[in-house]
N, C-alpha and C. Protein backbone atom coordinates (compact mmCIF):
# COMPACT_ATOMS: atom_id res chain seq x y z
N MET A 1 113.65 96.77 91.31
CA MET A 1 113.71 95.35 90.39
C MET A 1 114.75 95.49 89.22
N ALA A 2 114.68 96.75 88.65
CA ALA A 2 115.60 96.82 87.43
C ALA A 2 116.67 97.52 87.72
N THR A 3 117.12 97.97 89.09
CA THR A 3 118.24 98.54 89.56
C THR A 3 119.71 97.54 89.41
N PRO A 4 120.65 98.40 89.19
CA PRO A 4 121.98 97.32 88.81
C PRO A 4 122.32 96.42 89.97
N THR A 5 122.12 96.69 91.18
CA THR A 5 122.29 95.84 92.44
C THR A 5 121.40 96.26 93.53
N TYR A 6 120.99 95.33 94.42
CA TYR A 6 120.08 95.63 95.36
C TYR A 6 120.54 94.59 96.72
N GLN A 7 120.66 95.13 97.66
CA GLN A 7 120.92 94.39 99.00
C GLN A 7 119.49 93.92 99.35
N GLY A 8 119.20 92.64 99.38
CA GLY A 8 117.87 91.90 99.77
C GLY A 8 118.08 91.94 101.42
N LEU A 9 116.82 91.54 101.96
CA LEU A 9 116.52 91.46 103.33
C LEU A 9 117.35 90.27 104.05
N SER A 10 117.99 89.28 103.24
CA SER A 10 118.59 88.14 103.67
C SER A 10 120.01 88.48 103.56
N GLY A 11 120.40 89.75 102.91
CA GLY A 11 121.78 90.08 103.00
C GLY A 11 122.18 89.69 101.72
N ASN A 12 121.60 88.82 100.59
CA ASN A 12 121.97 88.52 99.48
C ASN A 12 121.90 89.81 98.55
N THR A 13 123.07 89.85 97.46
CA THR A 13 122.94 90.98 96.58
C THR A 13 122.11 90.44 95.43
N MET A 14 121.09 91.15 94.85
CA MET A 14 120.24 90.82 93.80
C MET A 14 120.61 91.68 92.57
N LEU A 15 120.97 91.03 91.45
CA LEU A 15 121.08 91.77 90.27
C LEU A 15 120.20 92.30 89.55
N GLY A 16 120.17 93.28 88.65
CA GLY A 16 119.07 94.03 88.03
C GLY A 16 118.65 92.95 86.71
N VAL A 17 117.83 93.23 86.02
CA VAL A 17 117.21 92.36 84.97
C VAL A 17 118.30 92.40 83.84
N GLY A 18 118.69 93.55 83.43
CA GLY A 18 119.63 93.72 82.34
C GLY A 18 120.90 92.85 82.64
N HIS A 19 121.37 92.96 83.86
CA HIS A 19 122.54 92.08 84.20
C HIS A 19 122.26 90.79 84.02
N VAL A 20 121.38 90.34 84.74
CA VAL A 20 121.06 88.70 84.46
C VAL A 20 120.91 88.46 83.11
N VAL A 21 120.07 89.23 81.95
CA VAL A 21 120.07 88.67 80.83
C VAL A 21 121.20 88.69 80.29
N THR A 22 122.20 89.82 80.21
CA THR A 22 123.53 89.49 79.50
C THR A 22 124.59 88.71 80.26
N SER A 23 124.49 88.41 81.51
CA SER A 23 125.14 87.33 82.00
C SER A 23 124.72 85.97 81.59
N SER A 24 123.33 85.77 81.42
CA SER A 24 122.98 84.49 81.17
C SER A 24 123.43 84.24 79.94
N ILE A 25 123.22 85.07 78.87
CA ILE A 25 123.56 84.93 77.44
C ILE A 25 125.03 84.81 77.28
N GLY A 26 125.58 85.32 78.00
CA GLY A 26 127.28 85.11 77.87
C GLY A 26 127.83 84.12 78.51
N MET A 27 127.05 83.33 79.27
CA MET A 27 127.42 81.70 79.52
C MET A 27 126.86 80.77 78.76
N CYS A 28 126.15 81.24 77.50
CA CYS A 28 125.76 80.29 76.55
C CYS A 28 127.01 80.31 75.67
N ASP A 29 126.69 79.18 74.66
CA ASP A 29 127.68 78.88 73.67
C ASP A 29 127.83 80.13 72.76
N ILE A 30 128.98 80.69 72.17
CA ILE A 30 128.99 81.55 71.64
C ILE A 30 128.20 81.59 70.18
N ASP A 31 128.05 80.35 69.67
CA ASP A 31 127.39 80.39 68.28
C ASP A 31 126.05 80.63 68.39
N ILE A 32 125.40 80.49 69.65
CA ILE A 32 123.85 80.83 69.77
C ILE A 32 123.64 82.21 70.44
N ARG A 33 124.65 82.83 70.86
CA ARG A 33 124.25 84.01 71.24
C ARG A 33 123.50 85.20 70.50
N PRO A 34 124.06 85.26 69.24
CA PRO A 34 123.06 86.25 68.26
C PRO A 34 121.80 85.93 68.39
N GLY A 35 121.42 84.65 68.31
CA GLY A 35 119.93 84.39 68.44
C GLY A 35 119.22 84.76 69.64
N LEU A 36 119.98 84.52 70.71
CA LEU A 36 119.38 84.88 72.04
C LEU A 36 119.18 86.40 72.34
N TYR A 37 120.28 87.05 71.75
CA TYR A 37 120.24 88.71 71.69
C TYR A 37 119.18 89.14 71.01
N GLY A 38 119.00 88.63 69.90
CA GLY A 38 117.96 88.88 68.87
C GLY A 38 116.58 88.41 69.31
N SER A 39 116.37 87.89 70.49
CA SER A 39 114.94 87.30 70.76
C SER A 39 114.83 87.28 72.21
N VAL A 40 114.93 88.39 72.68
CA VAL A 40 115.06 88.52 74.22
C VAL A 40 113.39 88.85 74.64
N ILE A 41 112.73 87.80 75.15
CA ILE A 41 111.13 87.79 75.35
C ILE A 41 110.83 88.51 76.66
N VAL A 42 110.12 89.47 76.76
CA VAL A 42 109.56 90.16 77.94
C VAL A 42 108.48 89.79 78.23
N THR A 43 108.50 89.22 79.27
CA THR A 43 107.15 88.61 79.98
C THR A 43 107.01 88.48 81.38
N GLY A 44 105.66 88.44 82.02
CA GLY A 44 105.71 88.34 83.55
C GLY A 44 105.02 89.64 84.01
N GLY A 45 104.39 89.49 84.91
CA GLY A 45 103.59 90.69 85.79
C GLY A 45 104.51 92.04 85.83
N ASN A 46 105.76 91.73 86.42
CA ASN A 46 106.45 92.87 86.62
C ASN A 46 106.87 93.66 85.23
N THR A 47 106.95 92.85 84.21
CA THR A 47 107.33 93.79 82.86
C THR A 47 106.12 94.61 82.34
N LEU A 48 105.02 94.64 83.10
CA LEU A 48 103.87 95.61 83.05
C LEU A 48 104.04 97.01 83.72
N LEU A 49 105.22 97.10 84.46
CA LEU A 49 105.56 98.27 85.08
C LEU A 49 105.64 99.50 84.09
N GLN A 50 105.19 100.63 84.48
CA GLN A 50 105.44 101.59 83.33
C GLN A 50 106.91 101.92 83.23
N GLY A 51 107.33 102.02 81.92
CA GLY A 51 108.69 102.15 81.43
C GLY A 51 109.80 101.13 81.53
N PHE A 52 109.28 99.88 81.89
CA PHE A 52 110.02 98.71 82.20
C PHE A 52 110.67 98.36 80.81
N ASN A 53 110.00 98.25 79.75
CA ASN A 53 110.51 97.87 78.43
C ASN A 53 111.65 98.88 77.93
N ASP A 54 111.45 100.36 77.99
CA ASP A 54 112.32 101.27 77.65
C ASP A 54 113.70 101.07 78.59
N ARG A 55 113.40 100.90 79.76
CA ARG A 55 114.42 100.86 80.82
C ARG A 55 115.45 99.69 80.23
N LEU A 56 114.63 98.45 80.09
CA LEU A 56 115.50 97.10 79.96
C LEU A 56 116.22 97.36 78.59
N ASN A 57 115.50 97.96 77.55
CA ASN A 57 116.12 98.16 76.30
C ASN A 57 117.29 99.14 76.44
N ARG A 58 117.21 99.99 77.06
CA ARG A 58 118.54 100.94 77.20
C ARG A 58 119.40 100.36 78.10
N GLU A 59 119.26 99.55 79.05
CA GLU A 59 120.29 98.78 79.77
C GLU A 59 121.00 97.59 78.86
N LEU A 60 120.16 96.76 78.27
CA LEU A 60 120.66 95.99 77.36
C LEU A 60 121.53 96.42 76.31
N SER A 61 120.96 97.68 75.59
CA SER A 61 121.84 98.25 74.55
C SER A 61 123.22 98.65 74.96
N GLN A 62 123.25 98.97 76.23
CA GLN A 62 124.70 99.48 76.68
C GLN A 62 125.65 98.16 77.06
N LYS A 63 124.74 97.10 77.37
CA LYS A 63 125.72 95.89 77.50
C LYS A 63 125.68 94.92 76.43
N THR A 64 124.98 94.95 75.45
CA THR A 64 125.30 94.15 74.15
C THR A 64 126.40 94.35 73.38
N PRO A 65 127.20 93.48 73.14
CA PRO A 65 128.31 93.82 72.08
C PRO A 65 127.84 94.49 70.88
N PRO A 66 128.60 95.15 70.25
CA PRO A 66 128.02 96.08 69.10
C PRO A 66 127.84 95.09 67.89
N SER A 67 128.52 93.92 67.83
CA SER A 67 128.15 92.89 66.66
C SER A 67 126.80 92.37 66.83
N MET A 68 126.30 92.46 68.06
CA MET A 68 124.97 91.74 68.11
C MET A 68 123.52 92.61 67.69
N ARG A 69 122.83 91.88 67.29
CA ARG A 69 121.45 92.77 67.19
C ARG A 69 120.46 92.50 68.19
N LEU A 70 120.23 93.62 69.06
CA LEU A 70 119.31 93.35 70.19
C LEU A 70 117.74 93.49 69.59
N LYS A 71 117.01 92.75 70.22
CA LYS A 71 115.55 92.88 69.88
C LYS A 71 114.75 92.14 71.07
N LEU A 72 113.93 93.26 71.67
CA LEU A 72 113.19 92.80 72.63
C LEU A 72 111.52 92.48 72.15
N ILE A 73 111.28 91.39 72.48
CA ILE A 73 109.89 90.96 72.06
C ILE A 73 108.90 90.90 73.45
N ALA A 74 107.77 91.73 73.13
CA ALA A 74 106.82 91.76 74.11
C ALA A 74 105.55 91.97 73.80
N SER A 75 104.52 91.06 74.15
CA SER A 75 103.02 91.24 73.74
C SER A 75 102.39 92.44 74.09
N ASN A 76 101.43 93.22 73.31
CA ASN A 76 100.91 94.24 73.53
C ASN A 76 99.79 93.98 74.61
N SER A 77 99.44 92.72 74.74
CA SER A 77 98.24 92.28 75.73
C SER A 77 98.79 92.16 77.16
N SER A 78 98.27 93.03 78.04
CA SER A 78 98.68 92.90 79.44
C SER A 78 98.40 91.57 80.12
N ILE A 79 97.20 90.95 79.68
CA ILE A 79 96.89 89.54 80.25
C ILE A 79 97.68 88.42 79.87
N GLU A 80 98.26 88.45 78.42
CA GLU A 80 99.23 87.53 77.89
C GLU A 80 100.52 87.52 78.46
N ARG A 81 101.06 89.01 78.70
CA ARG A 81 102.26 88.96 79.48
C ARG A 81 102.26 88.68 80.60
N ARG A 82 101.22 88.87 81.44
CA ARG A 82 100.98 88.55 82.93
C ARG A 82 101.20 87.09 83.02
N PHE A 83 100.46 86.06 82.27
CA PHE A 83 100.17 84.96 82.80
C PHE A 83 101.11 84.01 81.44
N SER A 84 101.60 84.41 80.55
CA SER A 84 102.38 83.65 79.51
C SER A 84 103.33 82.87 80.08
N SER A 85 104.21 83.16 81.10
CA SER A 85 105.15 82.51 81.91
C SER A 85 104.60 81.11 82.43
N TRP A 86 103.39 81.16 83.04
CA TRP A 86 102.65 80.24 83.64
C TRP A 86 102.18 79.35 82.45
N ILE A 87 101.68 79.93 81.73
CA ILE A 87 100.94 79.19 80.53
C ILE A 87 102.24 78.12 79.81
N GLY A 88 103.35 78.78 79.59
CA GLY A 88 104.25 78.24 78.87
C GLY A 88 104.89 76.96 79.82
N GLY A 89 105.03 77.19 81.00
CA GLY A 89 105.36 76.05 82.07
C GLY A 89 104.41 74.98 82.00
N SER A 90 103.15 75.38 82.03
CA SER A 90 102.08 74.19 82.15
C SER A 90 102.04 73.42 80.89
N ILE A 91 102.18 73.86 79.70
CA ILE A 91 102.45 73.38 78.49
C ILE A 91 103.57 72.19 78.65
N LEU A 92 104.59 72.84 78.84
CA LEU A 92 105.93 72.18 78.96
C LEU A 92 105.80 70.93 80.10
N ALA A 93 105.30 71.07 81.08
CA ALA A 93 104.91 70.17 82.26
C ALA A 93 104.07 68.95 81.62
N SER A 94 103.03 69.13 80.82
CA SER A 94 102.09 68.44 80.15
C SER A 94 102.54 67.66 79.11
N LEU A 95 103.64 67.80 78.61
CA LEU A 95 104.18 67.18 77.57
C LEU A 95 104.54 65.83 78.24
N GLY A 96 104.44 64.60 77.37
CA GLY A 96 104.61 63.32 77.77
C GLY A 96 105.98 63.10 78.06
N THR A 97 107.03 63.73 77.18
CA THR A 97 108.39 63.55 77.22
C THR A 97 109.08 64.34 78.27
N PHE A 98 108.27 65.20 78.86
CA PHE A 98 109.02 66.21 80.28
C PHE A 98 109.42 65.48 81.13
N GLN A 99 108.80 64.21 81.74
CA GLN A 99 109.25 63.70 82.81
C GLN A 99 110.53 62.97 82.48
N GLN A 100 110.87 62.72 81.17
CA GLN A 100 112.01 62.23 80.97
C GLN A 100 113.43 63.06 81.03
N MET A 101 113.01 64.20 81.20
CA MET A 101 113.92 65.39 81.28
C MET A 101 114.43 65.91 82.77
N TRP A 102 113.44 65.36 83.76
CA TRP A 102 113.61 65.82 85.16
C TRP A 102 114.80 65.11 85.69
N ILE A 103 115.46 65.88 86.38
CA ILE A 103 116.93 65.75 87.05
C ILE A 103 116.57 65.91 88.50
N SER A 104 116.96 64.77 89.26
CA SER A 104 116.68 64.90 90.75
C SER A 104 118.00 65.64 91.30
N LYS A 105 117.83 66.19 92.47
CA LYS A 105 118.98 66.66 93.16
C LYS A 105 120.12 65.99 93.39
N GLN A 106 119.89 64.61 93.72
CA GLN A 106 121.04 63.61 93.62
C GLN A 106 121.66 63.26 92.64
N GLU A 107 120.74 63.16 91.33
CA GLU A 107 121.45 62.93 89.86
C GLU A 107 122.38 64.22 89.70
N TYR A 108 122.06 65.28 89.87
CA TYR A 108 122.66 66.39 89.67
C TYR A 108 123.93 66.58 90.36
N GLU A 109 123.80 66.14 91.74
CA GLU A 109 125.05 66.16 92.56
C GLU A 109 126.07 65.19 92.17
N GLU A 110 125.59 64.13 91.61
CA GLU A 110 126.50 62.84 91.14
C GLU A 110 126.85 63.02 89.88
N GLY A 111 126.15 63.70 88.78
CA GLY A 111 126.70 63.87 87.37
C GLY A 111 126.75 65.38 86.87
N GLY A 112 126.47 66.19 87.79
CA GLY A 112 126.64 67.78 87.42
C GLY A 112 126.04 68.06 86.05
N LYS A 113 126.54 68.94 85.40
CA LYS A 113 126.18 69.49 84.11
C LYS A 113 125.97 68.37 82.77
N GLN A 114 127.08 67.49 82.98
CA GLN A 114 127.06 66.28 82.27
C GLN A 114 125.46 65.65 82.22
N CYS A 115 124.98 65.71 83.36
CA CYS A 115 123.71 64.94 83.73
C CYS A 115 122.68 65.59 82.82
N VAL A 116 122.70 67.04 82.87
CA VAL A 116 121.81 67.95 82.05
C VAL A 116 121.85 67.61 80.64
N GLU A 117 123.32 67.91 80.15
CA GLU A 117 123.43 67.59 78.78
C GLU A 117 123.06 66.15 78.16
N ARG A 118 123.26 65.19 78.98
CA ARG A 118 122.48 63.81 78.48
C ARG A 118 121.05 63.81 78.35
N LYS A 119 120.46 64.31 79.61
CA LYS A 119 118.90 64.39 79.52
C LYS A 119 118.37 65.43 78.62
N CYS A 120 118.91 66.63 78.40
CA CYS A 120 118.40 67.62 77.63
C CYS A 120 119.32 67.95 76.33
N PRO A 121 119.53 67.13 75.27
CA PRO A 121 120.32 67.58 74.54
C PRO A 121 120.20 68.64 73.62
């Protein structure tokens, strides 16, 4: 899971968590990158694997630009870490305004990222 690359059963290459985090942050606007590096939230059942946080911290420290402050945020409660992704998604989905942010495949194919920028400013 945390290995740099892995050849999956379907033949697709899967990237490690550290690479995915730094790549995702690197695709964001440069002005918000310090905030993203400073608040990497570690959640989900797989993050409970022994040594996961230490390994992720080590990998991200090697890939994080020296000018950025890296901070991993992880709950000490295994129950909270295991289910917080689902809980957050259910809260978001229950918001009255959430349906206004939905983008169909057709809308995205027609408008691309501008559609996302318009619906989710």
